[in-house]
Amino acid sequence: MEIEVDSQLLKSPVALEIRHHLEEWVKSRCPDHLGPIMEISKN
């Protein structure tokens, strides 16, 4: 499945905060392999 999201929505303060929380959660659960992937991922 593929979806598109308006780029303005992705840059909104709420979206940036959610992304930050998700990145921190992934890093804390999978620091060895998914943490570095999240840092370079644009999705």
PDB file of N, CA and C in Angstrom:
ATOM      1  N   MET A   1       0.847  -1.162   0.000  1.00  0.00           N
ATOM      2  CA  MET A   1       0.000   0.000   0.000  1.00  0.00           C
ATOM      3  C   MET A   1       0.900   1.235   0.000  1.00  0.00           C
ATOM      4  N   GLU A   2       0.494   2.222  -0.742  1.00  0.00           N
ATOM      5  CA  GLU A   2       1.265   3.456  -0.800  1.00  0.00           C
ATOM      6  C   GLU A   2       0.327   4.622  -0.552  1.00  0.00           C
ATOM      7  N   ILE A   3       0.763   5.558   0.275  1.00  0.00           N
ATOM      8  CA  ILE A   3      -0.044   6.747   0.546  1.00  0.00           C
ATOM      9  C   ILE A   3       0.829   7.975   0.383  1.00  0.00           C
ATOM     10  N   GLU A   4       0.197   9.105   0.175  1.00  0.00           N
ATOM     11  CA  GLU A   4       0.910  10.374   0.115  1.00  0.00           C
ATOM     12  C   GLU A   4       0.367  11.273   1.202  1.00  0.00           C
ATOM     13  N   VAL A   5       1.263  12.058   1.773  1.00  0.00           N
ATOM     14  CA  VAL A   5       0.876  13.012   2.806  1.00  0.00           C
ATOM     15  C   VAL A   5       1.378  14.379   2.369  1.00  0.00           C
ATOM     16  N   ASP A   6       0.557  15.379   2.543  1.00  0.00           N
ATOM     17  CA  ASP A   6       0.916  16.744   2.181  1.00  0.00           C
ATOM     18  C   ASP A   6       2.206  17.147   2.901  1.00  0.00           C
ATOM     19  N   SER A   7       3.150  17.700   2.166  1.00  0.00           N
ATOM     20  CA  SER A   7       4.450  18.051   2.752  1.00  0.00           C
ATOM     21  C   SER A   7       4.316  19.102   3.846  1.00  0.00           C
ATOM     22  N   GLN A   8       3.330  19.979   3.745  1.00  0.00           N
ATOM     23  CA  GLN A   8       3.125  20.971   4.805  1.00  0.00           C
ATOM     24  C   GLN A   8       2.739  20.291   6.117  1.00  0.00           C
ATOM     25  N   LEU A   9       1.949  19.246   6.018  1.00  0.00           N
ATOM     26  CA  LEU A   9       1.562  18.499   7.215  1.00  0.00           C
ATOM     27  C   LEU A   9       2.783  17.835   7.849  1.00  0.00           C
ATOM     28  N   LEU A  10       3.668  17.277   7.030  1.00  0.00           N
ATOM     29  CA  LEU A  10       4.857  16.608   7.554  1.00  0.00           C
ATOM     30  C   LEU A  10       5.805  17.570   8.253  1.00  0.00           C
ATOM     31  N   LYS A  11       5.753  18.836   7.895  1.00  0.00           N
ATOM     32  CA  LYS A  11       6.637  19.837   8.492  1.00  0.00           C
ATOM     33  C   LYS A  11       5.981  20.597   9.637  1.00  0.00           C
ATOM     34  N   SER A  12       4.754  20.235   9.975  1.00  0.00           N
ATOM     35  CA  SER A  12       4.056  20.915  11.062  1.00  0.00           C
ATOM     36  C   SER A  12       4.704  20.561  12.398  1.00  0.00           C
ATOM     37  N   PRO A  13       4.571  21.433  13.389  1.00  0.00           N
ATOM     38  CA  PRO A  13       5.172  21.161  14.703  1.00  0.00           C
ATOM     39  C   PRO A  13       4.705  19.842  15.317  1.00  0.00           C
ATOM     40  N   VAL A  14       3.445  19.511  15.162  1.00  0.00           N
ATOM     41  CA  VAL A  14       2.921  18.263  15.739  1.00  0.00           C
ATOM     42  C   VAL A  14       3.561  17.062  15.052  1.00  0.00           C
ATOM     43  N   ALA A  15       3.641  17.093  13.717  1.00  0.00           N
ATOM     44  CA  ALA A  15       4.237  15.982  12.988  1.00  0.00           C
ATOM     45  C   ALA A  15       5.710  15.812  13.341  1.00  0.00           C
ATOM     46  N   LEU A  16       6.428  16.912  13.485  1.00  0.00           N
ATOM     47  CA  LEU A  16       7.846  16.835  13.853  1.00  0.00           C
ATOM     48  C   LEU A  16       8.018  16.265  15.255  1.00  0.00           C
ATOM     49  N   GLU A  17       7.125  16.640  16.158  1.00  0.00           N
ATOM     50  CA  GLU A  17       7.197  16.102  17.524  1.00  0.00           C
ATOM     51  C   GLU A  17       6.899  14.603  17.532  1.00  0.00           C
ATOM     52  N   ILE A  18       5.891  14.179  16.775  1.00  0.00           N
ATOM     53  CA  ILE A  18       5.557  12.752  16.693  1.00  0.00           C
ATOM     54  C   ILE A  18       6.734  11.981  16.109  1.00  0.00           C
ATOM     55  N   ARG A  19       7.324  12.496  15.037  1.00  0.00           N
ATOM     56  CA  ARG A  19       8.473  11.818  14.431  1.00  0.00           C
ATOM     57  C   ARG A  19       9.624  11.692  15.430  1.00  0.00           C
ATOM     58  N   HIS A  20       9.884  12.764  16.178  1.00  0.00           N
ATOM     59  CA  HIS A  20      10.949  12.732  17.175  1.00  0.00           C
ATOM     60  C   HIS A  20      10.688  11.640  18.216  1.00  0.00           C
ATOM     61  N   HIS A  21       9.459  11.563  18.703  1.00  0.00           N
ATOM     62  CA  HIS A  21       9.121  10.541  19.700  1.00  0.00           C
ATOM     63  C   HIS A  21       9.266   9.132  19.121  1.00  0.00           C
ATOM     64  N   LEU A  22       8.829   8.951  17.881  1.00  0.00           N
ATOM     65  CA  LEU A  22       8.963   7.639  17.250  1.00  0.00           C
ATOM     66  C   LEU A  22      10.430   7.261  17.052  1.00  0.00           C
ATOM     67  N   GLU A  23      11.247   8.220  16.637  1.00  0.00           N
ATOM     68  CA  GLU A  23      12.673   7.943  16.454  1.00  0.00           C
ATOM     69  C   GLU A  23      13.323   7.565  17.773  1.00  0.00           C
ATOM     70  N   GLU A  24      13.011   8.276  18.832  1.00  0.00           N
ATOM     71  CA  GLU A  24      13.573   7.969  20.144  1.00  0.00           C
ATOM     72  C   GLU A  24      13.122   6.596  20.624  1.00  0.00           C
ATOM     73  N   TRP A  25      11.862   6.260  20.384  1.00  0.00           N
ATOM     74  CA  TRP A  25      11.349   4.955  20.793  1.00  0.00           C
ATOM     75  C   TRP A  25      12.082   3.843  20.060  1.00  0.00           C
ATOM     76  N   VAL A  26      12.262   3.996  18.741  1.00  0.00           N
ATOM     77  CA  VAL A  26      12.958   2.968  17.959  1.00  0.00           C
ATOM     78  C   VAL A  26      14.403   2.845  18.432  1.00  0.00           C
ATOM     79  N   LYS A  27      15.079   3.960  18.649  1.00  0.00           N
ATOM     80  CA  LYS A  27      16.472   3.918  19.121  1.00  0.00           C
ATOM     81  C   LYS A  27      16.579   3.212  20.466  1.00  0.00           C
ATOM     82  N   SER A  28      15.612   3.437  21.344  1.00  0.00           N
ATOM     83  CA  SER A  28      15.684   2.823  22.673  1.00  0.00           C
ATOM     84  C   SER A  28      15.372   1.332  22.629  1.00  0.00           C
ATOM     85  N   ARG A  29      14.583   0.885  21.654  1.00  0.00           N
ATOM     86  CA  ARG A  29      14.220  -0.523  21.568  1.00  0.00           C
ATOM     87  C   ARG A  29      15.195  -1.323  20.715  1.00  0.00           C
ATOM     88  N   CYS A  30      15.775  -0.697  19.718  1.00  0.00           N
ATOM     89  CA  CYS A  30      16.629  -1.402  18.761  1.00  0.00           C
ATOM     90  C   CYS A  30      17.888  -0.569  18.469  1.00  0.00           C
ATOM     91  N   PRO A  31      18.678  -0.259  19.463  1.00  0.00           N
ATOM     92  CA  PRO A  31      19.794   0.661  19.248  1.00  0.00           C
ATOM     93  C   PRO A  31      20.876   0.145  18.305  1.00  0.00           C
ATOM     94  N   ASP A  32      21.047  -1.164  18.188  1.00  0.00           N
ATOM     95  CA  ASP A  32      22.146  -1.694  17.390  1.00  0.00           C
ATOM     96  C   ASP A  32      21.905  -1.660  15.895  1.00  0.00           C
ATOM     97  N   HIS A  33      20.674  -1.884  15.453  1.00  0.00           N
ATOM     98  CA  HIS A  33      20.458  -1.960  14.019  1.00  0.00           C
ATOM     99  C   HIS A  33      19.446  -0.950  13.482  1.00  0.00           C
ATOM    100  N   LEU A  34      18.372  -0.679  14.197  1.00  0.00           N
ATOM    101  CA  LEU A  34      17.386   0.251  13.668  1.00  0.00           C
ATOM    102  C   LEU A  34      17.690   1.707  13.998  1.00  0.00           C
ATOM    103  N   GLY A  35      18.390   1.953  15.082  1.00  0.00           N
ATOM    104  CA  GLY A  35      18.732   3.331  15.441  1.00  0.00           C
ATOM    105  C   GLY A  35      19.473   4.053  14.326  1.00  0.00           C
ATOM    106  N   PRO A  36      20.583   3.497  13.835  1.00  0.00           N
ATOM    107  CA  PRO A  36      21.308   4.162  12.738  1.00  0.00           C
ATOM    108  C   PRO A  36      20.480   4.275  11.454  1.00  0.00           C
ATOM    109  N   ILE A  37      19.635   3.289  11.203  1.00  0.00           N
ATOM    110  CA  ILE A  37      18.790   3.333  10.002  1.00  0.00           C
ATOM    111  C   ILE A  37      17.803   4.503  10.112  1.00  0.00           C
ATOM    112  N   MET A  38      17.218   4.718  11.294  1.00  0.00           N
ATOM    113  CA  MET A  38      16.282   5.814  11.480  1.00  0.00           C
ATOM    114  C   MET A  38      16.951   7.171  11.274  1.00  0.00           C
ATOM    115  N   GLU A  39      18.222   7.275  11.645  1.00  0.00           N
ATOM    116  CA  GLU A  39      18.910   8.553  11.511  1.00  0.00           C
ATOM    117  C   GLU A  39      19.093   8.958  10.049  1.00  0.00           C
ATOM    118  N   ILE A  40      19.265   7.974   9.161  1.00  0.00           N
ATOM    119  CA  ILE A  40      19.491   8.307   7.767  1.00  0.00           C
ATOM    120  C   ILE A  40      18.226   8.191   6.911  1.00  0.00           C
ATOM    121  N   SER A  41      17.168   7.637   7.484  1.00  0.00           N
ATOM    122  CA  SER A  41      15.930   7.433   6.737  1.00  0.00           C
ATOM    123  C   SER A  41      15.175   8.748   6.566  1.00  0.00           C
ATOM    124  N   LYS A  42      14.607   8.932   5.412  1.00  0.00           N
ATOM    125  CA  LYS A  42      13.804  10.125   5.154  1.00  0.00           C
ATOM    126  C   LYS A  42      12.316   9.830   5.268  1.00  0.00           C
ATOM    127  N   ASN A  43      11.950   8.599   5.535  1.00  0.00           N
ATOM    128  CA  ASN A  43      10.536   8.224   5.619  1.00  0.00           C
ATOM    129  C   ASN A  43      10.059   8.261   7.036  1.00  0.00           C
TER     130      ASN A  43
END
